[in-house]
PDB file of N, CA and C in Angstrom:
ATOM      1  N   MET A   1    -268.798 117.495 -45.903  1.00  0.00           N
ATOM      2  CA  MET A   1    -269.333 118.015 -44.405  1.00  0.00           C
ATOM      3  C   MET A   1    -270.220 119.521 -44.840  1.00  0.00           C
ATOM      4  N   LEU A   2    -269.574 120.624 -45.733  1.00  0.00           N
ATOM      5  CA  LEU A   2    -269.962 121.748 -45.731  1.00  0.00           C
ATOM      6  C   LEU A   2    -271.309 121.543 -46.677  1.00  0.00           C
ATOM      7  N   LEU A   3    -271.152 120.210 -47.748  1.00  0.00           N
ATOM      8  CA  LEU A   3    -272.570 119.995 -48.042  1.00  0.00           C
ATOM      9  C   LEU A   3    -273.626 119.276 -47.442  1.00  0.00           C
ATOM     10  N   LEU A   4    -273.374 118.664 -46.294  1.00  0.00           N
ATOM     11  CA  LEU A   4    -274.486 118.084 -45.132  1.00  0.00           C
ATOM     12  C   LEU A   4    -274.707 119.230 -44.331  1.00  0.00           C
ATOM     13  N   ALA A   5    -274.151 120.190 -44.435  1.00  0.00           N
ATOM     14  CA  ALA A   5    -274.579 121.349 -43.486  1.00  0.00           C
ATOM     15  C   ALA A   5    -275.275 122.134 -44.105  1.00  0.00           C
ATOM     16  N   GLN A   6    -275.374 122.186 -45.362  1.00  0.00           N
ATOM     17  CA  GLN A   6    -276.249 123.229 -46.511  1.00  0.00           C
ATOM     18  C   GLN A   6    -277.491 122.537 -46.588  1.00  0.00           C
ATOM     19  N   ILE A   7    -277.162 121.107 -46.657  1.00  0.00           N
ATOM     20  CA  ILE A   7    -278.469 120.562 -46.820  1.00  0.00           C
ATOM     21  C   ILE A   7    -279.502 120.416 -45.614  1.00  0.00           C
ATOM     22  N   ALA A   8    -278.789 120.437 -44.118  1.00  0.00           N
ATOM     23  CA  ALA A   8    -279.372 120.746 -42.907  1.00  0.00           C
ATOM     24  C   ALA A   8    -280.086 122.202 -42.724  1.00  0.00           C
ATOM     25  N   VAL A   9    -279.588 123.110 -43.133  1.00  0.00           N
ATOM     26  CA  VAL A   9    -280.078 124.256 -43.341  1.00  0.00           C
ATOM     27  C   VAL A   9    -281.212 124.587 -44.187  1.00  0.00           C
ATOM     28  N   LEU A  10    -281.650 123.652 -45.103  1.00  0.00           N
ATOM     29  CA  LEU A  10    -282.575 123.947 -46.228  1.00  0.00           C
ATOM     30  C   LEU A  10    -283.808 123.025 -45.330  1.00  0.00           C
ATOM     31  N   ASP A  11    -283.431 122.450 -44.315  1.00  0.00           N
ATOM     32  CA  ASP A  11    -284.848 121.461 -44.007  1.00  0.00           C
ATOM     33  C   ASP A  11    -285.962 122.383 -43.461  1.00  0.00           C
ATOM     34  N   ASP A  12    -287.017 122.177 -43.515  1.00  0.00           N
ATOM     35  CA  ASP A  12    -288.168 123.192 -42.956  1.00  0.00           C
ATOM     36  C   ASP A  12    -288.833 122.528 -41.825  1.00  0.00           C
ATOM     37  N   PRO A  13    -288.268 123.034 -40.606  1.00  0.00           N
ATOM     38  CA  PRO A  13    -287.713 123.583 -39.895  1.00  0.00           C
ATOM     39  C   PRO A  13    -286.218 123.281 -40.038  1.00  0.00           C
ATOM     40  N   PRO A  14    -284.884 124.330 -40.268  1.00  0.00           N
ATOM     41  CA  PRO A  14    -283.486 123.731 -40.050  1.00  0.00           C
ATOM     42  C   PRO A  14    -283.568 122.767 -39.048  1.00  0.00           C
ATOM     43  N   ALA A  15    -282.412 121.959 -39.562  1.00  0.00           N
ATOM     44  CA  ALA A  15    -281.975 121.163 -38.424  1.00  0.00           C
ATOM     45  C   ALA A  15    -280.618 121.885 -37.743  1.00  0.00           C
ATOM     46  N   ILE A  16    -280.924 122.797 -36.933  1.00  0.00           N
ATOM     47  CA  ILE A  16    -280.044 123.511 -36.247  1.00  0.00           C
ATOM     48  C   ILE A  16    -278.872 123.190 -35.766  1.00  0.00           C
ATOM     49  N   GLY A  17    -279.130 122.117 -34.627  1.00  0.00           N
ATOM     50  CA  GLY A  17    -277.641 121.247 -34.355  1.00  0.00           C
ATOM     51  C   GLY A  17    -277.085 120.427 -35.337  1.00  0.00           C
ATOM     52  N   ASP A  18    -277.705 119.709 -36.441  1.00  0.00           N
ATOM     53  CA  ASP A  18    -277.065 118.947 -37.253  1.00  0.00           C
ATOM     54  C   ASP A  18    -276.281 120.192 -38.397  1.00  0.00           C
ATOM     55  N   ALA A  19    -276.888 121.121 -38.492  1.00  0.00           N
ATOM     56  CA  ALA A  19    -276.046 122.079 -39.560  1.00  0.00           C
ATOM     57  C   ALA A  19    -275.115 122.666 -38.773  1.00  0.00           C
ATOM     58  N   GLU A  20    -275.131 122.565 -37.617  1.00  0.00           N
ATOM     59  CA  GLU A  20    -273.746 123.778 -36.605  1.00  0.00           C
ATOM     60  C   GLU A  20    -272.903 122.613 -36.341  1.00  0.00           C
ATOM     61  N   ALA A  21    -272.825 121.198 -36.591  1.00  0.00           N
ATOM     62  CA  ALA A  21    -272.379 120.267 -35.912  1.00  0.00           C
ATOM     63  C   ALA A  21    -271.262 119.972 -37.441  1.00  0.00           C
ATOM     64  N   HIS A  22    -271.930 120.191 -38.429  1.00  0.00           N
ATOM     65  CA  HIS A  22    -271.243 119.945 -40.067  1.00  0.00           C
ATOM     66  C   HIS A  22    -270.533 121.390 -40.576  1.00  0.00           C
ATOM     67  N   PHE A  23    -271.210 122.409 -40.023  1.00  0.00           N
ATOM     68  CA  PHE A  23    -269.893 123.334 -40.337  1.00  0.00           C
ATOM     69  C   PHE A  23    -269.081 123.421 -39.537  1.00  0.00           C
ATOM     70  N   ARG A  24    -269.347 123.102 -38.354  1.00  0.00           N
ATOM     71  CA  ARG A  24    -267.962 123.091 -37.399  1.00  0.00           C
ATOM     72  C   ARG A  24    -266.990 122.279 -37.864  1.00  0.00           C
ATOM     73  N   ALA A  25    -267.407 120.980 -38.283  1.00  0.00           N
ATOM     74  CA  ALA A  25    -266.397 119.776 -38.386  1.00  0.00           C
ATOM     75  C   ALA A  25    -265.928 120.255 -40.072  1.00  0.00           C
ATOM     76  N   ALA A  26    -266.643 120.831 -40.955  1.00  0.00           N
ATOM     77  CA  ALA A  26    -266.213 121.302 -42.111  1.00  0.00           C
ATOM     78  C   ALA A  26    -265.259 122.111 -41.881  1.00  0.00           C
ATOM     79  N   VAL A  27    -265.334 123.354 -41.133  1.00  0.00           N
ATOM     80  CA  VAL A  27    -264.190 124.588 -40.608  1.00  0.00           C
ATOM     81  C   VAL A  27    -263.150 123.786 -40.302  1.00  0.00           C
ATOM     82  N   ILE A  28    -263.140 122.791 -39.228  1.00  0.00           N
ATOM     83  CA  ILE A  28    -262.021 122.322 -38.683  1.00  0.00           C
ATOM     84  C   ILE A  28    -260.837 121.613 -39.385  1.00  0.00           C
ATOM     85  N   ARG A  29    -261.946 120.808 -40.467  1.00  0.00           N
ATOM     86  CA  ARG A  29    -261.575 119.906 -41.709  1.00  0.00           C
ATOM     87  C   ARG A  29    -260.561 120.860 -43.077  1.00  0.00           C
ATOM     88  N   ALA A  30    -261.383 121.830 -43.306  1.00  0.00           N
ATOM     89  CA  ALA A  30    -260.812 122.967 -44.078  1.00  0.00           C
ATOM     90  C   ALA A  30    -259.284 123.580 -43.616  1.00  0.00           C
ATOM     91  N   GLU A  31    -259.329 124.259 -42.706  1.00  0.00           N
ATOM     92  CA  GLU A  31    -258.413 124.770 -41.705  1.00  0.00           C
ATOM     93  C   GLU A  31    -257.190 123.766 -42.034  1.00  0.00           C
ATOM     94  N   GLN A  32    -257.197 122.274 -41.497  1.00  0.00           N
ATOM     95  CA  GLN A  32    -256.439 121.510 -41.379  1.00  0.00           C
ATOM     96  C   GLN A  32    -255.927 121.824 -42.787  1.00  0.00           C
ATOM     97  N   LEU A  33    -256.463 121.302 -43.728  1.00  0.00           N
ATOM     98  CA  LEU A  33    -255.844 121.442 -45.350  1.00  0.00           C
ATOM     99  C   LEU A  33    -255.499 122.760 -46.082  1.00  0.00           C
ATOM    100  N   GLY A  34    -255.824 123.928 -45.158  1.00  0.00           N
ATOM    101  CA  GLY A  34    -255.381 125.067 -45.763  1.00  0.00           C
ATOM    102  C   GLY A  34    -256.541 125.759 -46.820  1.00  0.00           C
ATOM    103  N   MET A  35    -257.556 125.251 -46.642  1.00  0.00           N
ATOM    104  CA  MET A  35    -258.839 125.737 -47.841  1.00  0.00           C
ATOM    105  C   MET A  35    -259.243 126.645 -47.374  1.00  0.00           C
ATOM    106  N   ARG A  36    -258.908 127.694 -47.599  1.00  0.00           N
ATOM    107  CA  ARG A  36    -259.190 129.139 -46.983  1.00  0.00           C
ATOM    108  C   ARG A  36    -260.857 129.370 -47.587  1.00  0.00           C
ATOM    109  N   PRO A  37    -260.907 129.153 -48.964  1.00  0.00           N
ATOM    110  CA  PRO A  37    -262.276 129.544 -49.554  1.00  0.00           C
ATOM    111  C   PRO A  37    -263.478 128.357 -48.561  1.00  0.00           C
ATOM    112  N   GLU A  38    -263.125 127.329 -48.779  1.00  0.00           N
ATOM    113  CA  GLU A  38    -263.952 126.620 -47.764  1.00  0.00           C
ATOM    114  C   GLU A  38    -263.966 127.029 -46.602  1.00  0.00           C
ATOM    115  N   VAL A  39    -263.277 127.773 -45.801  1.00  0.00           N
ATOM    116  CA  VAL A  39    -263.657 128.333 -44.292  1.00  0.00           C
ATOM    117  C   VAL A  39    -264.473 129.141 -44.388  1.00  0.00           C
ATOM    118  N   ALA A  40    -264.138 130.355 -45.252  1.00  0.00           N
ATOM    119  CA  ALA A  40    -265.246 131.178 -45.749  1.00  0.00           C
ATOM    120  C   ALA A  40    -266.549 131.042 -45.966  1.00  0.00           C
ATOM    121  N   HIS A  41    -266.572 130.084 -46.519  1.00  0.00           N
ATOM    122  CA  HIS A  41    -267.920 129.483 -47.176  1.00  0.00           C
ATOM    123  C   HIS A  41    -268.474 129.129 -45.700  1.00  0.00           C
ATOM    124  N   CYS A  42    -268.044 128.108 -45.146  1.00  0.00           N
ATOM    125  CA  CYS A  42    -268.710 127.719 -44.009  1.00  0.00           C
ATOM    126  C   CYS A  42    -269.124 129.021 -42.726  1.00  0.00           C
ATOM    127  N   HIS A  43    -268.544 129.924 -42.492  1.00  0.00           N
ATOM    128  CA  HIS A  43    -268.703 131.132 -42.048  1.00  0.00           C
ATOM    129  C   HIS A  43    -270.010 131.462 -42.718  1.00  0.00           C
ATOM    130  N   PHE A  44    -269.819 131.733 -43.928  1.00  0.00           N
ATOM    131  CA  PHE A  44    -270.933 132.374 -44.422  1.00  0.00           C
ATOM    132  C   PHE A  44    -272.206 131.644 -44.444  1.00  0.00           C
ATOM    133  N   GLY A  45    -272.115 130.267 -44.446  1.00  0.00           N
ATOM    134  CA  GLY A  45    -273.164 129.116 -44.065  1.00  0.00           C
ATOM    135  C   GLY A  45    -273.574 129.378 -42.929  1.00  0.00           C
ATOM    136  N   LEU A  46    -272.833 129.457 -41.814  1.00  0.00           N
ATOM    137  CA  LEU A  46    -273.217 129.546 -40.462  1.00  0.00           C
ATOM    138  C   LEU A  46    -273.950 131.093 -40.063  1.00  0.00           C
ATOM    139  N   ALA A  47    -273.680 132.194 -40.963  1.00  0.00           N
ATOM    140  CA  ALA A  47    -274.133 133.521 -40.834  1.00  0.00           C
ATOM    141  C   ALA A  47    -275.626 133.347 -41.283  1.00  0.00           C
ATOM    142  N   LYS A  48    -276.089 132.670 -42.870  1.00  0.00           N
ATOM    143  CA  LYS A  48    -277.487 132.375 -42.988  1.00  0.00           C
ATOM    144  C   LYS A  48    -278.125 131.692 -42.393  1.00  0.00           C
ATOM    145  N   LEU A  49    -277.491 130.434 -41.611  1.00  0.00           N
ATOM    146  CA  LEU A  49    -278.020 129.848 -40.818  1.00  0.00           C
ATOM    147  C   LEU A  49    -278.721 130.523 -39.642  1.00  0.00           C
ATOM    148  N   TYR A  50    -278.309 131.474 -39.049  1.00  0.00           N
ATOM    149  CA  TYR A  50    -278.343 132.053 -37.667  1.00  0.00           C
ATOM    150  C   TYR A  50    -279.268 133.581 -38.021  1.00  0.00           C
ATOM    151  N   CYS A  51    -279.128 133.768 -39.307  1.00  0.00           N
ATOM    152  CA  CYS A  51    -280.354 134.846 -40.111  1.00  0.00           C
ATOM    153  C   CYS A  51    -281.513 133.923 -39.757  1.00  0.00           C
ATOM    154  N   ARG A  52    -281.687 132.798 -40.363  1.00  0.00           N
ATOM    155  CA  ARG A  52    -282.841 132.364 -40.623  1.00  0.00           C
ATOM    156  C   ARG A  52    -283.655 131.846 -39.048  1.00  0.00           C
ATOM    157  N   THR A  53    -282.822 131.688 -38.081  1.00  0.00           N
ATOM    158  CA  THR A  53    -283.128 131.064 -36.791  1.00  0.00           C
ATOM    159  C   THR A  53    -283.220 132.227 -35.860  1.00  0.00           C
ATOM    160  N   GLY A  54    -282.757 133.460 -36.346  1.00  0.00           N
ATOM    161  CA  GLY A  54    -282.993 134.960 -35.970  1.00  0.00           C
ATOM    162  C   GLY A  54    -282.090 135.227 -34.426  1.00  0.00           C
ATOM    163  N   ASP A  55    -280.796 134.617 -34.403  1.00  0.00           N
ATOM    164  CA  ASP A  55    -279.924 134.814 -33.806  1.00  0.00           C
ATOM    165  C   ASP A  55    -278.835 135.555 -34.401  1.00  0.00           C
ATOM    166  N   ARG A  56    -279.147 137.091 -34.251  1.00  0.00           N
ATOM    167  CA  ARG A  56    -278.729 138.000 -35.207  1.00  0.00           C
ATOM    168  C   ARG A  56    -277.151 138.323 -34.597  1.00  0.00           C
ATOM    169  N   ALA A  57    -276.865 137.739 -33.473  1.00  0.00           N
ATOM    170  CA  ALA A  57    -275.488 138.274 -32.972  1.00  0.00           C
ATOM    171  C   ALA A  57    -274.528 137.143 -33.459  1.00  0.00           C
ATOM    172  N   LYS A  58    -274.722 135.829 -33.313  1.00  0.00           N
ATOM    173  CA  LYS A  58    -274.336 134.760 -34.214  1.00  0.00           C
ATOM    174  C   LYS A  58    -273.830 134.971 -35.732  1.00  0.00           C
ATOM    175  N   ALA A  59    -274.878 135.696 -36.178  1.00  0.00           N
ATOM    176  CA  ALA A  59    -275.280 135.852 -37.551  1.00  0.00           C
ATOM    177  C   ALA A  59    -273.964 136.921 -37.967  1.00  0.00           C
ATOM    178  N   GLU A  60    -273.869 137.808 -37.201  1.00  0.00           N
ATOM    179  CA  GLU A  60    -273.313 139.211 -37.754  1.00  0.00           C
ATOM    180  C   GLU A  60    -271.713 138.411 -37.391  1.00  0.00           C
ATOM    181  N   LYS A  61    -271.584 137.875 -36.105  1.00  0.00           N
ATOM    182  CA  LYS A  61    -270.042 137.616 -35.884  1.00  0.00           C
ATOM    183  C   LYS A  61    -269.466 136.406 -37.082  1.00  0.00           C
ATOM    184  N   HIS A  62    -270.385 135.872 -37.707  1.00  0.00           N
ATOM    185  CA  HIS A  62    -269.940 134.910 -38.632  1.00  0.00           C
ATOM    186  C   HIS A  62    -269.904 135.492 -40.363  1.00  0.00           C
ATOM    187  N   LEU A  63    -270.771 136.152 -40.277  1.00  0.00           N
ATOM    188  CA  LEU A  63    -271.019 137.333 -41.608  1.00  0.00           C
ATOM    189  C   LEU A  63    -269.660 138.431 -41.759  1.00  0.00           C
ATOM    190  N   THR A  64    -269.495 138.617 -40.348  1.00  0.00           N
ATOM    191  CA  THR A  64    -267.802 139.466 -40.458  1.00  0.00           C
ATOM    192  C   THR A  64    -266.935 138.592 -40.945  1.00  0.00           C
ATOM    193  N   ILE A  65    -266.579 137.597 -40.186  1.00  0.00           N
ATOM    194  CA  ILE A  65    -265.356 136.606 -40.636  1.00  0.00           C
ATOM    195  C   ILE A  65    -265.658 136.398 -42.164  1.00  0.00           C
ATOM    196  N   ALA A  66    -266.620 135.768 -42.459  1.00  0.00           N
ATOM    197  CA  ALA A  66    -266.899 135.562 -44.374  1.00  0.00           C
ATOM    198  C   ALA A  66    -266.352 136.768 -44.845  1.00  0.00           C
ATOM    199  N   THR A  67    -267.106 137.899 -44.692  1.00  0.00           N
ATOM    200  CA  THR A  67    -266.707 138.772 -45.742  1.00  0.00           C
ATOM    201  C   THR A  67    -265.677 139.285 -45.567  1.00  0.00           C
ATOM    202  N   MET A  68    -264.686 139.440 -44.566  1.00  0.00           N
ATOM    203  CA  MET A  68    -263.235 139.599 -44.257  1.00  0.00           C
ATOM    204  C   MET A  68    -262.610 138.798 -45.152  1.00  0.00           C
ATOM    205  N   MET A  69    -262.892 137.468 -45.021  1.00  0.00           N
ATOM    206  CA  MET A  69    -261.851 136.334 -45.846  1.00  0.00           C
ATOM    207  C   MET A  69    -262.169 136.828 -47.332  1.00  0.00           C
ATOM    208  N   TYR A  70    -263.485 136.822 -47.671  1.00  0.00           N
ATOM    209  CA  TYR A  70    -263.690 137.091 -49.135  1.00  0.00           C
ATOM    210  C   TYR A  70    -262.907 138.275 -49.577  1.00  0.00           C
ATOM    211  N   ARG A  71    -262.774 139.209 -49.017  1.00  0.00           N
ATOM    212  CA  ARG A  71    -262.097 140.320 -49.183  1.00  0.00           C
ATOM    213  C   ARG A  71    -260.747 140.318 -49.211  1.00  0.00           C
ATOM    214  N   GLU A  72    -259.980 139.378 -48.488  1.00  0.00           N
ATOM    215  CA  GLU A  72    -258.842 139.207 -48.333  1.00  0.00           C
ATOM    216  C   GLU A  72    -258.564 138.423 -49.665  1.00  0.00           C
ATOM    217  N   MET A  73    -259.037 137.511 -50.132  1.00  0.00           N
ATOM    218  CA  MET A  73    -258.951 136.250 -51.137  1.00  0.00           C
ATOM    219  C   MET A  73    -259.258 137.139 -52.169  1.00  0.00           C
ATOM    220  N   ASP A  74    -259.955 138.364 -52.782  1.00  0.00           N
ATOM    221  CA  ASP A  74    -260.207 138.675 -53.592  1.00  0.00           C
ATOM    222  C   ASP A  74    -261.638 138.033 -54.358  1.00  0.00           C
ATOM    223  N   MET A  75    -262.238 137.601 -53.687  1.00  0.00           N
ATOM    224  CA  MET A  75    -263.425 136.599 -54.011  1.00  0.00           C
ATOM    225  C   MET A  75    -264.579 137.384 -53.827  1.00  0.00           C
ATOM    226  N   ARG A  76    -264.494 138.571 -55.074  1.00  0.00           N
ATOM    227  CA  ARG A  76    -265.674 139.687 -55.268  1.00  0.00           C
ATOM    228  C   ARG A  76    -267.014 138.865 -55.603  1.00  0.00           C
ATOM    229  N   PHE A  77    -267.540 137.688 -55.948  1.00  0.00           N
ATOM    230  CA  PHE A  77    -268.395 137.376 -56.665  1.00  0.00           C
ATOM    231  C   PHE A  77    -269.302 137.037 -54.988  1.00  0.00           C
ATOM    232  N   TRP A  78    -268.542 136.049 -54.192  1.00  0.00           N
ATOM    233  CA  TRP A  78    -268.839 135.807 -52.662  1.00  0.00           C
ATOM    234  C   TRP A  78    -269.117 136.822 -51.651  1.00  0.00           C
ATOM    235  N   LEU A  79    -268.083 138.044 -51.993  1.00  0.00           N
ATOM    236  CA  LEU A  79    -268.240 139.149 -51.069  1.00  0.00           C
ATOM    237  C   LEU A  79    -269.404 139.835 -51.237  1.00  0.00           C
ATOM    238  N   GLU A  80    -269.724 139.923 -52.409  1.00  0.00           N
ATOM    239  CA  GLU A  80    -271.111 140.645 -52.954  1.00  0.00           C
ATOM    240  C   GLU A  80    -272.185 139.895 -52.467  1.00  0.00           C
ATOM    241  N   GLN A  81    -272.402 138.641 -52.595  1.00  0.00           N
ATOM    242  CA  GLN A  81    -273.201 138.025 -52.133  1.00  0.00           C
ATOM    243  C   GLN A  81    -273.154 137.773 -50.304  1.00  0.00           C
ATOM    244  N   ALA A  82    -272.178 137.756 -49.409  1.00  0.00           N
ATOM    245  CA  ALA A  82    -272.214 138.042 -48.362  1.00  0.00           C
ATOM    246  C   ALA A  82    -272.741 139.774 -47.872  1.00  0.00           C
ATOM    247  N   GLU A  83    -272.107 140.417 -48.545  1.00  0.00           N
ATOM    248  CA  GLU A  83    -272.954 141.833 -48.259  1.00  0.00           C
ATOM    249  C   GLU A  83    -274.106 142.451 -48.478  1.00  0.00           C
ATOM    250  N   ALA A  84    -274.792 141.693 -49.367  1.00  0.00           N
ATOM    251  CA  ALA A  84    -276.161 141.658 -49.516  1.00  0.00           C
ATOM    252  C   ALA A  84    -276.935 140.626 -48.375  1.00  0.00           C
ATOM    253  N   THR A  85    -275.952 139.740 -47.747  1.00  0.00           N
ATOM    254  CA  THR A  85    -277.105 139.170 -46.730  1.00  0.00           C
ATOM    255  C   THR A  85    -276.913 140.267 -45.393  1.00  0.00           C
ATOM    256  N   GLY A  86    -276.112 140.911 -45.229  1.00  0.00           N
ATOM    257  CA  GLY A  86    -276.150 141.879 -44.122  1.00  0.00           C
ATOM    258  C   GLY A  86    -276.994 142.660 -44.248  1.00  0.00           C
TER     259      GLY A  86
END
């Protein structure tokens, strides 16, 4: 589901509705399976989607969640990527 969301984001213009639906489904599934890194990646993907569409408030919300999760899990590479996005 995460991969489908990422593909929808890359469409020109982005398939916003499809991307959001895939990201949200991926978050739910990853949470059910205890896959915290996947959940963080979904929030980071949503942040990038909303940055691309100009919805700064939603982008900041998801970027904050992603950076917090990356920091908690000591995922330095992804934390740097997320911080560079903001």
